[in-house]
Amino acid sequence: MIKEFHSVQKASKQMAISKGKAWEIITNIEKQLNVVMIQRKQGGSRDRKTELTLEGVEFLKFFKEYEEDVKNYAIKQFKKSYELFKKKIEIKK
């Protein structure tokens, strides 16, 4: 959402978390991956925008693909498990 809003504050508001929590999440990701995700700009200029770094943009693409893969896997596994569940119920009848 930072990419769309160009603001950590606006993105965190949209996600219903505090700006501090958003920065905590960003900082933790950056530390764990040893990569800078956000171009930090200091100062009071109204024209300043928060931007993702190239690494941040690439990570976002990667994560969206990963998230889709996990979602598809979960759906597939649920259907498989549900079919087994239905068979168990049929046996008990």
N, C-alpha and C. Protein backbone atom coordinates (compact mmCIF):
# COMPACT_ATOMS: atom_id res chain seq x y z
N MET A 1 0.81 -1.20 0.00
CA MET A 1 0.00 0.00 0.00
C MET A 1 0.85 1.26 0.00
N ILE A 2 2.06 1.14 0.50
CA ILE A 2 2.96 2.29 0.47
C ILE A 2 3.20 2.70 -0.97
N LYS A 3 3.31 1.71 -1.85
CA LYS A 3 3.53 2.00 -3.26
C LYS A 3 2.39 2.84 -3.83
N GLU A 4 1.15 2.52 -3.44
CA GLU A 4 -0.01 3.25 -3.95
C GLU A 4 -0.18 4.62 -3.31
N PHE A 5 0.01 4.67 -1.97
CA PHE A 5 -0.24 5.91 -1.24
C PHE A 5 0.98 6.83 -1.15
N HIS A 6 2.18 6.29 -1.38
CA HIS A 6 3.42 7.05 -1.22
C HIS A 6 3.55 7.62 0.18
N SER A 7 3.00 6.87 1.15
CA SER A 7 3.00 7.35 2.53
C SER A 7 2.81 6.16 3.47
N VAL A 8 3.72 6.04 4.44
CA VAL A 8 3.58 4.99 5.44
C VAL A 8 2.35 5.29 6.31
N GLN A 9 2.16 6.55 6.61
CA GLN A 9 1.03 6.94 7.46
C GLN A 9 -0.31 6.59 6.80
N LYS A 10 -0.47 6.93 5.53
CA LYS A 10 -1.73 6.63 4.84
C LYS A 10 -1.92 5.12 4.66
N ALA A 11 -0.85 4.42 4.36
CA ALA A 11 -0.93 2.97 4.20
C ALA A 11 -1.29 2.30 5.53
N SER A 12 -0.68 2.75 6.60
CA SER A 12 -0.98 2.16 7.91
C SER A 12 -2.42 2.45 8.33
N LYS A 13 -2.90 3.64 8.02
CA LYS A 13 -4.30 3.98 8.31
C LYS A 13 -5.24 3.03 7.57
N GLN A 14 -4.96 2.78 6.30
CA GLN A 14 -5.77 1.89 5.47
C GLN A 14 -5.77 0.47 6.04
N MET A 15 -4.64 0.07 6.63
CA MET A 15 -4.51 -1.27 7.19
C MET A 15 -4.98 -1.34 8.64
N ALA A 16 -5.39 -0.23 9.19
CA ALA A 16 -5.87 -0.13 10.57
C ALA A 16 -4.80 -0.53 11.58
N ILE A 17 -3.56 -0.08 11.32
CA ILE A 17 -2.48 -0.24 12.29
C ILE A 17 -1.84 1.13 12.49
N SER A 18 -1.11 1.27 13.58
CA SER A 18 -0.47 2.56 13.84
C SER A 18 0.73 2.74 12.91
N LYS A 19 1.10 3.98 12.72
CA LYS A 19 2.26 4.28 11.89
C LYS A 19 3.51 3.66 12.51
N GLY A 20 3.58 3.69 13.82
CA GLY A 20 4.71 3.09 14.54
C GLY A 20 4.81 1.59 14.30
N LYS A 21 3.66 0.92 14.32
CA LYS A 21 3.63 -0.52 14.06
C LYS A 21 4.05 -0.81 12.62
N ALA A 22 3.60 0.02 11.69
CA ALA A 22 3.99 -0.16 10.28
C ALA A 22 5.50 -0.04 10.13
N TRP A 23 6.10 0.97 10.76
CA TRP A 23 7.55 1.13 10.67
C TRP A 23 8.26 -0.03 11.35
N GLU A 24 7.70 -0.53 12.43
CA GLU A 24 8.28 -1.69 13.12
C GLU A 24 8.31 -2.91 12.18
N ILE A 25 7.22 -3.14 11.48
CA ILE A 25 7.14 -4.25 10.53
C ILE A 25 8.15 -4.07 9.40
N ILE A 26 8.20 -2.87 8.84
CA ILE A 26 9.13 -2.57 7.75
C ILE A 26 10.57 -2.79 8.21
N THR A 27 10.91 -2.25 9.36
CA THR A 27 12.26 -2.36 9.90
C THR A 27 12.63 -3.82 10.15
N ASN A 28 11.70 -4.59 10.71
CA ASN A 28 11.97 -6.01 10.95
C ASN A 28 12.22 -6.77 9.65
N ILE A 29 11.41 -6.50 8.64
CA ILE A 29 11.62 -7.15 7.33
C ILE A 29 12.99 -6.77 6.77
N GLU A 30 13.31 -5.50 6.83
CA GLU A 30 14.60 -5.05 6.30
C GLU A 30 15.77 -5.71 7.03
N LYS A 31 15.66 -5.81 8.35
CA LYS A 31 16.74 -6.44 9.12
C LYS A 31 16.85 -7.92 8.79
N GLN A 32 15.72 -8.62 8.72
CA GLN A 32 15.74 -10.06 8.46
C GLN A 32 16.26 -10.37 7.07
N LEU A 33 15.93 -9.54 6.09
CA LEU A 33 16.34 -9.79 4.71
C LEU A 33 17.63 -9.06 4.34
N ASN A 34 18.10 -8.20 5.26
CA ASN A 34 19.30 -7.40 5.03
C ASN A 34 19.18 -6.59 3.74
N VAL A 35 18.06 -5.89 3.63
CA VAL A 35 17.75 -5.12 2.43
C VAL A 35 16.97 -3.87 2.85
N VAL A 36 17.15 -2.77 2.14
CA VAL A 36 16.38 -1.55 2.41
C VAL A 36 15.18 -1.56 1.48
N MET A 37 13.98 -1.53 2.06
CA MET A 37 12.74 -1.59 1.29
C MET A 37 12.17 -0.21 0.97
N ILE A 38 12.41 0.75 1.85
CA ILE A 38 11.79 2.07 1.75
C ILE A 38 12.87 3.14 1.65
N GLN A 39 12.69 4.08 0.73
CA GLN A 39 13.57 5.25 0.68
C GLN A 39 13.07 6.20 1.74
N ARG A 40 13.88 6.41 2.75
CA ARG A 40 13.49 7.29 3.85
C ARG A 40 13.86 8.72 3.51
N LYS A 41 12.89 9.62 3.64
CA LYS A 41 13.13 11.03 3.36
C LYS A 41 12.77 11.82 4.59
N GLN A 42 13.68 12.60 5.06
CA GLN A 42 13.47 13.42 6.25
C GLN A 42 13.05 14.83 5.83
N GLY A 43 12.42 15.51 6.76
CA GLY A 43 12.08 16.91 6.49
C GLY A 43 10.60 17.14 6.41
N GLY A 44 10.22 18.38 6.28
CA GLY A 44 8.82 18.74 6.33
C GLY A 44 8.21 19.12 5.00
N SER A 45 8.88 18.81 3.92
CA SER A 45 8.37 19.19 2.61
C SER A 45 7.05 18.52 2.30
N ARG A 46 6.11 19.25 1.81
CA ARG A 46 4.80 18.69 1.43
C ARG A 46 4.90 17.83 0.18
N ASP A 47 5.91 18.06 -0.62
CA ASP A 47 6.06 17.33 -1.88
C ASP A 47 6.74 15.97 -1.72
N ARG A 48 7.24 15.70 -0.52
CA ARG A 48 7.98 14.43 -0.36
C ARG A 48 7.02 13.25 -0.43
N LYS A 49 7.51 12.20 -1.02
CA LYS A 49 6.74 10.97 -1.14
C LYS A 49 7.60 9.82 -0.64
N THR A 50 6.98 8.88 0.05
CA THR A 50 7.69 7.68 0.45
C THR A 50 7.64 6.72 -0.72
N GLU A 51 8.79 6.23 -1.12
CA GLU A 51 8.89 5.34 -2.27
C GLU A 51 9.55 4.04 -1.86
N LEU A 52 9.20 2.97 -2.55
CA LEU A 52 9.89 1.71 -2.37
C LEU A 52 11.21 1.77 -3.12
N THR A 53 12.23 1.12 -2.57
CA THR A 53 13.49 0.98 -3.30
C THR A 53 13.27 -0.06 -4.40
N LEU A 54 14.24 -0.21 -5.28
CA LEU A 54 14.16 -1.25 -6.31
C LEU A 54 13.99 -2.62 -5.64
N GLU A 55 14.74 -2.85 -4.56
CA GLU A 55 14.62 -4.11 -3.84
C GLU A 55 13.22 -4.26 -3.25
N GLY A 56 12.67 -3.16 -2.76
CA GLY A 56 11.32 -3.18 -2.21
C GLY A 56 10.28 -3.54 -3.26
N VAL A 57 10.42 -2.97 -4.45
CA VAL A 57 9.51 -3.25 -5.56
C VAL A 57 9.62 -4.73 -5.95
N GLU A 58 10.86 -5.22 -6.07
CA GLU A 58 11.07 -6.62 -6.45
C GLU A 58 10.54 -7.57 -5.37
N PHE A 59 10.76 -7.21 -4.11
CA PHE A 59 10.25 -8.04 -3.02
C PHE A 59 8.73 -8.08 -3.05
N LEU A 60 8.10 -6.95 -3.31
CA LEU A 60 6.65 -6.89 -3.38
C LEU A 60 6.12 -7.81 -4.48
N LYS A 61 6.76 -7.80 -5.64
CA LYS A 61 6.37 -8.72 -6.73
C LYS A 61 6.52 -10.16 -6.28
N PHE A 62 7.68 -10.47 -5.70
CA PHE A 62 7.94 -11.82 -5.22
C PHE A 62 6.89 -12.24 -4.20
N PHE A 63 6.60 -11.35 -3.24
CA PHE A 63 5.68 -11.71 -2.17
C PHE A 63 4.26 -11.93 -2.68
N LYS A 64 3.84 -11.12 -3.63
CA LYS A 64 2.50 -11.31 -4.21
C LYS A 64 2.39 -12.67 -4.90
N GLU A 65 3.44 -13.06 -5.61
CA GLU A 65 3.45 -14.39 -6.25
C GLU A 65 3.46 -15.49 -5.20
N TYR A 66 4.27 -15.31 -4.18
CA TYR A 66 4.35 -16.28 -3.08
C TYR A 66 3.00 -16.42 -2.38
N GLU A 67 2.37 -15.29 -2.10
CA GLU A 67 1.07 -15.28 -1.44
C GLU A 67 0.03 -16.03 -2.28
N GLU A 68 0.06 -15.82 -3.59
CA GLU A 68 -0.87 -16.52 -4.49
C GLU A 68 -0.60 -18.02 -4.49
N ASP A 69 0.68 -18.39 -4.51
CA ASP A 69 1.04 -19.82 -4.45
C ASP A 69 0.55 -20.47 -3.16
N VAL A 70 0.73 -19.78 -2.04
CA VAL A 70 0.29 -20.31 -0.75
C VAL A 70 -1.23 -20.44 -0.73
N LYS A 71 -1.92 -19.45 -1.24
CA LYS A 71 -3.39 -19.47 -1.30
C LYS A 71 -3.86 -20.66 -2.14
N ASN A 72 -3.27 -20.83 -3.31
CA ASN A 72 -3.66 -21.94 -4.19
C ASN A 72 -3.37 -23.29 -3.54
N TYR A 73 -2.24 -23.40 -2.88
CA TYR A 73 -1.88 -24.64 -2.19
C TYR A 73 -2.89 -24.93 -1.07
N ALA A 74 -3.23 -23.89 -0.31
CA ALA A 74 -4.18 -24.07 0.80
C ALA A 74 -5.55 -24.51 0.28
N ILE A 75 -6.00 -23.95 -0.80
CA ILE A 75 -7.29 -24.34 -1.40
C ILE A 75 -7.23 -25.79 -1.84
N LYS A 76 -6.17 -26.15 -2.51
CA LYS A 76 -6.00 -27.53 -2.99
C LYS A 76 -5.99 -28.52 -1.82
N GLN A 77 -5.23 -28.18 -0.78
CA GLN A 77 -5.14 -29.06 0.39
C GLN A 77 -6.48 -29.15 1.13
N PHE A 78 -7.19 -28.03 1.21
CA PHE A 78 -8.49 -28.04 1.87
C PHE A 78 -9.45 -28.97 1.13
N LYS A 79 -9.50 -28.85 -0.19
CA LYS A 79 -10.40 -29.69 -0.98
C LYS A 79 -10.06 -31.17 -0.78
N LYS A 80 -8.78 -31.48 -0.77
CA LYS A 80 -8.33 -32.85 -0.57
C LYS A 80 -8.75 -33.35 0.82
N SER A 81 -8.50 -32.55 1.83
CA SER A 81 -8.86 -32.92 3.20
C SER A 81 -10.37 -33.02 3.38
N TYR A 82 -11.09 -32.13 2.74
CA TYR A 82 -12.54 -32.14 2.86
C TYR A 82 -13.14 -33.40 2.23
N GLU A 83 -12.58 -33.84 1.13
CA GLU A 83 -13.05 -35.08 0.51
C GLU A 83 -12.83 -36.26 1.44
N LEU A 84 -11.69 -36.31 2.11
CA LEU A 84 -11.43 -37.37 3.10
C LEU A 84 -12.42 -37.27 4.26
N PHE A 85 -12.68 -36.07 4.70
CA PHE A 85 -13.64 -35.84 5.78
C PHE A 85 -15.02 -36.34 5.40
N LYS A 86 -15.45 -36.03 4.18
CA LYS A 86 -16.77 -36.48 3.72
C LYS A 86 -16.83 -38.01 3.68
N LYS A 87 -15.77 -38.65 3.25
CA LYS A 87 -15.73 -40.13 3.21
C LYS A 87 -15.84 -40.70 4.61
N LYS A 88 -15.19 -40.10 5.59
CA LYS A 88 -15.28 -40.56 6.98
C LYS A 88 -16.70 -40.46 7.50
N ILE A 89 -17.35 -39.37 7.17
CA ILE A 89 -18.75 -39.17 7.62
C ILE A 89 -19.66 -40.21 6.99
N GLU A 90 -19.44 -40.49 5.72
CA GLU A 90 -20.27 -41.48 5.01
C GLU A 90 -20.10 -42.86 5.63
N ILE A 91 -18.92 -43.20 6.05
CA ILE A 91 -18.66 -44.51 6.67
C ILE A 91 -19.41 -44.64 7.98
N LYS A 92 -19.51 -43.58 8.74
CA LYS A 92 -20.19 -43.59 10.04
C LYS A 92 -21.69 -43.73 9.93
N LYS A 93 -22.26 -43.39 8.79
CA LYS A 93 -23.72 -43.41 8.63
C LYS A 93 -24.26 -44.79 8.54
